[in-house]
N, C-alpha and C. Protein backbone atom coordinates (compact mmCIF):
# COMPACT_ATOMS: atom_id res chain seq x y z
N MET A 1 103.27 108.67 92.42
CA MET A 1 101.96 109.16 92.74
C MET A 1 100.93 108.08 92.40
N ALA A 2 99.99 107.84 93.31
CA ALA A 2 98.93 106.85 93.11
C ALA A 2 97.86 107.40 92.17
N VAL A 3 97.38 106.54 91.27
CA VAL A 3 96.34 106.93 90.32
C VAL A 3 95.27 105.85 90.28
N PRO A 4 94.02 106.23 90.09
CA PRO A 4 92.95 105.24 89.97
C PRO A 4 92.89 104.68 88.55
N LEU A 5 92.50 103.42 88.46
CA LEU A 5 92.32 102.75 87.17
C LEU A 5 91.00 102.01 87.23
N ARG A 6 90.18 102.14 86.20
CA ARG A 6 88.91 101.43 86.13
C ARG A 6 89.03 100.35 85.06
N LEU A 7 88.66 99.12 85.45
CA LEU A 7 88.67 97.99 84.53
C LEU A 7 87.28 97.35 84.51
N THR A 8 86.86 96.86 83.35
CA THR A 8 85.61 96.11 83.23
C THR A 8 85.88 94.71 82.70
N ALA A 9 87.14 94.41 82.41
CA ALA A 9 87.54 93.09 81.93
C ALA A 9 88.98 92.84 82.40
N SER A 10 89.39 91.60 82.38
CA SER A 10 90.75 91.25 82.81
C SER A 10 91.77 92.04 82.00
N GLY A 11 92.86 92.44 82.67
CA GLY A 11 93.91 93.17 81.98
C GLY A 11 95.02 93.63 82.91
N VAL A 12 96.01 94.27 82.31
CA VAL A 12 97.18 94.76 83.05
C VAL A 12 96.80 95.99 83.85
N VAL A 13 97.15 96.00 85.12
CA VAL A 13 97.00 97.18 85.97
C VAL A 13 98.19 98.09 85.72
N LEU A 14 99.39 97.56 85.86
CA LEU A 14 100.63 98.28 85.54
C LEU A 14 101.67 97.23 85.16
N ASN A 15 102.30 97.38 83.99
CA ASN A 15 103.27 96.41 83.50
C ASN A 15 104.67 96.79 83.94
N ALA A 16 104.82 96.98 85.24
CA ALA A 16 106.09 97.33 85.88
C ALA A 16 105.88 97.12 87.38
N PRO A 17 106.95 97.06 88.16
CA PRO A 17 106.76 96.95 89.61
C PRO A 17 105.85 98.06 90.11
N CYS A 18 104.87 97.70 90.96
CA CYS A 18 103.91 98.70 91.41
C CYS A 18 103.39 98.36 92.80
N ARG A 19 102.63 99.29 93.32
CA ARG A 19 102.03 99.19 94.65
C ARG A 19 100.54 99.46 94.50
N VAL A 20 99.70 98.59 95.09
CA VAL A 20 98.25 98.76 95.06
C VAL A 20 97.80 99.22 96.44
N TYR A 21 96.99 100.28 96.47
CA TYR A 21 96.54 100.89 97.71
C TYR A 21 95.07 100.60 98.02
N TYR A 22 94.25 100.46 97.00
CA TYR A 22 92.80 100.40 97.22
C TYR A 22 92.16 99.65 96.05
N VAL A 23 91.16 98.84 96.37
CA VAL A 23 90.44 98.09 95.34
C VAL A 23 88.94 98.17 95.65
N SER A 24 88.14 98.42 94.63
CA SER A 24 86.69 98.33 94.80
C SER A 24 86.13 97.48 93.67
N VAL A 25 85.06 96.77 93.99
CA VAL A 25 84.40 95.88 93.04
C VAL A 25 82.90 96.17 93.08
N LYS A 26 82.30 96.32 91.91
CA LYS A 26 80.83 96.43 91.82
C LYS A 26 80.35 95.31 90.93
N GLY A 27 79.53 94.44 91.53
CA GLY A 27 78.96 93.35 90.76
C GLY A 27 77.99 93.88 89.72
N GLY A 28 77.92 93.21 88.59
CA GLY A 28 76.98 93.58 87.55
C GLY A 28 75.72 92.75 87.68
N SER A 29 75.34 92.05 86.61
CA SER A 29 74.13 91.24 86.64
C SER A 29 74.34 89.91 87.36
N ASP A 30 75.58 89.65 87.81
CA ASP A 30 75.87 88.55 88.71
C ASP A 30 77.06 88.95 89.58
N ALA A 31 77.48 88.08 90.47
CA ALA A 31 78.60 88.39 91.36
C ALA A 31 79.87 88.64 90.56
N ALA A 32 80.77 89.43 91.12
CA ALA A 32 82.02 89.77 90.45
C ALA A 32 83.20 89.53 91.39
N THR A 33 84.34 89.16 90.82
CA THR A 33 85.57 89.02 91.60
C THR A 33 86.73 89.62 90.82
N VAL A 34 87.78 89.98 91.56
CA VAL A 34 89.03 90.39 90.95
C VAL A 34 90.15 89.69 91.71
N ALA A 35 91.10 89.14 90.98
CA ALA A 35 92.30 88.54 91.55
C ALA A 35 93.51 89.27 90.96
N LEU A 36 94.35 89.83 91.83
CA LEU A 36 95.53 90.57 91.38
C LEU A 36 96.75 89.68 91.50
N ALA A 37 97.46 89.51 90.39
CA ALA A 37 98.62 88.63 90.33
C ALA A 37 99.89 89.41 90.06
N ASN A 38 101.00 88.88 90.54
CA ASN A 38 102.32 89.49 90.40
C ASN A 38 102.94 89.08 89.06
N GLN A 39 102.34 89.60 87.97
CA GLN A 39 102.80 89.29 86.62
C GLN A 39 102.12 90.25 85.66
N GLY A 40 102.73 90.50 84.51
CA GLY A 40 102.17 91.42 83.54
C GLY A 40 101.18 90.79 82.58
N THR A 41 100.99 89.47 82.67
CA THR A 41 100.02 88.76 81.84
C THR A 41 99.21 87.84 82.74
N SER A 42 98.21 87.18 82.19
CA SER A 42 97.41 86.28 83.02
C SER A 42 98.28 85.17 83.59
N GLY A 43 97.87 84.66 84.74
CA GLY A 43 98.67 83.69 85.47
C GLY A 43 99.45 84.41 86.54
N GLY A 44 100.52 83.83 87.01
CA GLY A 44 101.31 84.47 88.05
C GLY A 44 100.75 84.17 89.43
N THR A 45 101.46 84.62 90.44
CA THR A 45 101.07 84.37 91.82
C THR A 45 100.05 85.40 92.28
N GLU A 46 98.88 84.93 92.71
CA GLU A 46 97.85 85.83 93.20
C GLU A 46 98.27 86.39 94.56
N LEU A 47 98.26 87.72 94.68
CA LEU A 47 98.61 88.38 95.93
C LEU A 47 97.41 88.98 96.64
N PHE A 48 96.29 89.15 95.92
CA PHE A 48 95.11 89.77 96.53
C PHE A 48 93.87 89.41 95.73
N GLY A 49 92.78 89.17 96.41
CA GLY A 49 91.51 88.91 95.75
C GLY A 49 90.37 89.59 96.50
N TRP A 50 89.32 89.97 95.77
CA TRP A 50 88.17 90.64 96.38
C TRP A 50 86.95 90.37 95.52
N GLY A 51 85.76 90.52 96.08
CA GLY A 51 84.56 90.27 95.31
C GLY A 51 83.37 91.05 95.82
N ALA A 52 82.28 90.98 95.05
CA ALA A 52 81.03 91.64 95.42
C ALA A 52 79.88 90.84 94.84
N ALA A 53 78.75 90.87 95.54
CA ALA A 53 77.55 90.19 95.08
C ALA A 53 76.90 90.98 93.93
N THR A 54 75.88 90.41 93.34
CA THR A 54 75.16 91.02 92.23
C THR A 54 74.71 92.45 92.58
N THR A 55 75.08 93.40 91.75
CA THR A 55 74.77 94.84 91.86
C THR A 55 75.24 95.49 93.16
N VAL A 56 76.08 94.83 93.93
CA VAL A 56 76.58 95.37 95.20
C VAL A 56 77.98 95.95 95.00
N TYR A 57 78.27 97.04 95.72
CA TYR A 57 79.59 97.68 95.70
C TYR A 57 80.34 97.26 96.97
N SER A 58 81.60 96.84 96.82
CA SER A 58 82.42 96.44 97.96
C SER A 58 83.82 96.98 97.75
N SER A 59 84.43 97.52 98.81
CA SER A 59 85.77 98.08 98.66
C SER A 59 86.71 97.56 99.73
N ALA A 60 88.01 97.66 99.44
CA ALA A 60 89.04 97.20 100.38
C ALA A 60 90.20 98.16 100.38
N ASN A 61 90.53 98.68 101.55
CA ASN A 61 91.79 99.39 101.74
C ASN A 61 92.76 98.29 102.14
N VAL A 62 93.77 98.04 101.37
CA VAL A 62 94.60 96.85 101.51
C VAL A 62 95.69 96.98 102.58
N ASN A 63 95.29 97.41 103.80
CA ASN A 63 96.23 97.57 104.92
C ASN A 63 97.42 98.43 104.55
N GLY A 64 97.16 99.55 103.93
CA GLY A 64 98.24 100.45 103.51
C GLY A 64 98.56 100.29 102.04
N PHE A 65 99.13 99.13 101.70
CA PHE A 65 99.45 98.83 100.30
C PHE A 65 99.92 97.39 100.17
N ILE A 66 99.92 96.89 98.93
CA ILE A 66 100.52 95.60 98.58
C ILE A 66 101.48 95.86 97.44
N ASP A 67 102.73 95.41 97.60
CA ASP A 67 103.72 95.56 96.53
C ASP A 67 103.63 94.39 95.55
N PHE A 68 103.71 94.72 94.27
CA PHE A 68 103.78 93.75 93.18
C PHE A 68 105.16 93.95 92.54
N PRO A 69 106.17 93.17 92.93
CA PRO A 69 107.54 93.41 92.49
C PRO A 69 107.79 93.23 90.99
N VAL A 70 106.95 92.47 90.29
CA VAL A 70 107.14 92.24 88.86
C VAL A 70 106.24 93.16 88.04
N ALA A 71 104.94 93.06 88.25
CA ALA A 71 103.90 93.84 87.56
C ALA A 71 102.59 93.44 88.21
N CYS A 72 101.47 93.97 87.74
CA CYS A 72 100.18 93.62 88.32
C CYS A 72 99.18 93.36 87.21
N TYR A 73 98.55 92.18 87.25
CA TYR A 73 97.53 91.79 86.29
C TYR A 73 96.26 91.47 87.04
N ALA A 74 95.12 91.96 86.57
CA ALA A 74 93.83 91.73 87.20
C ALA A 74 93.03 90.72 86.39
N THR A 75 92.67 89.61 87.04
CA THR A 75 91.76 88.64 86.43
C THR A 75 90.38 88.90 87.01
N ILE A 76 89.42 89.22 86.15
CA ILE A 76 88.09 89.64 86.58
C ILE A 76 87.06 88.62 86.11
N THR A 77 86.12 88.31 87.01
CA THR A 77 85.00 87.43 86.64
C THR A 77 83.70 88.19 86.86
N GLY A 78 82.64 87.72 86.22
CA GLY A 78 81.34 88.32 86.37
C GLY A 78 80.86 88.95 85.07
N THR A 79 79.58 89.31 85.05
CA THR A 79 78.97 89.94 83.88
C THR A 79 78.80 91.43 84.17
N SER A 80 79.47 92.26 83.39
CA SER A 80 79.43 93.72 83.50
C SER A 80 79.90 94.26 84.85
N PRO A 81 81.00 93.72 85.42
CA PRO A 81 81.51 94.28 86.67
C PRO A 81 82.27 95.57 86.42
N VAL A 82 82.46 96.33 87.48
CA VAL A 82 83.32 97.53 87.43
C VAL A 82 84.32 97.41 88.57
N ILE A 83 85.60 97.46 88.22
CA ILE A 83 86.68 97.31 89.19
C ILE A 83 87.50 98.60 89.18
N ASN A 84 87.73 99.17 90.35
CA ASN A 84 88.60 100.35 90.49
C ASN A 84 89.81 99.95 91.33
N ILE A 85 90.99 100.26 90.83
CA ILE A 85 92.24 99.91 91.51
C ILE A 85 93.11 101.15 91.58
N THR A 86 93.42 101.60 92.79
CA THR A 86 94.35 102.72 92.95
C THR A 86 95.74 102.14 93.11
N ASN A 87 96.64 102.55 92.22
CA ASN A 87 97.99 101.98 92.17
C ASN A 87 99.01 103.04 91.82
N GLY A 88 100.28 102.69 91.99
CA GLY A 88 101.36 103.59 91.61
C GLY A 88 102.66 102.83 91.63
N PRO A 89 103.73 103.46 91.18
CA PRO A 89 105.03 102.81 91.19
C PRO A 89 105.52 102.61 92.62
N ILE A 90 106.40 101.63 92.81
CA ILE A 90 107.03 101.43 94.11
C ILE A 90 108.08 102.52 94.26
N PRO A 91 108.01 103.31 95.34
CA PRO A 91 108.98 104.40 95.51
C PRO A 91 110.40 103.88 95.67
N ASN A 92 111.37 104.62 95.20
CA ASN A 92 112.78 104.26 95.39
C ASN A 92 113.18 104.52 96.82
N GLY A 93 114.08 103.66 97.33
CA GLY A 93 114.63 103.89 98.67
C GLY A 93 113.75 103.40 99.71
């Protein structure tokens, strides 16, 4: 089952194989970005990135979903951004 997660700083989205369905970014006092990597810690291969200008809200439906076979880590930039990521486990079969 997909669940929303709100992040305001870099961190783990899910420390297991997962699927990301939706990402939104709201810039704070400056522009904000989020880069989602296929790893449970910082670094790893970036599979998706998104951004928003200062105080602007921007969202992305990621063409259905993006699979992260290892785990998902979000690297966030900006001052006081708000990032929402809808994610869930990769279904069996």
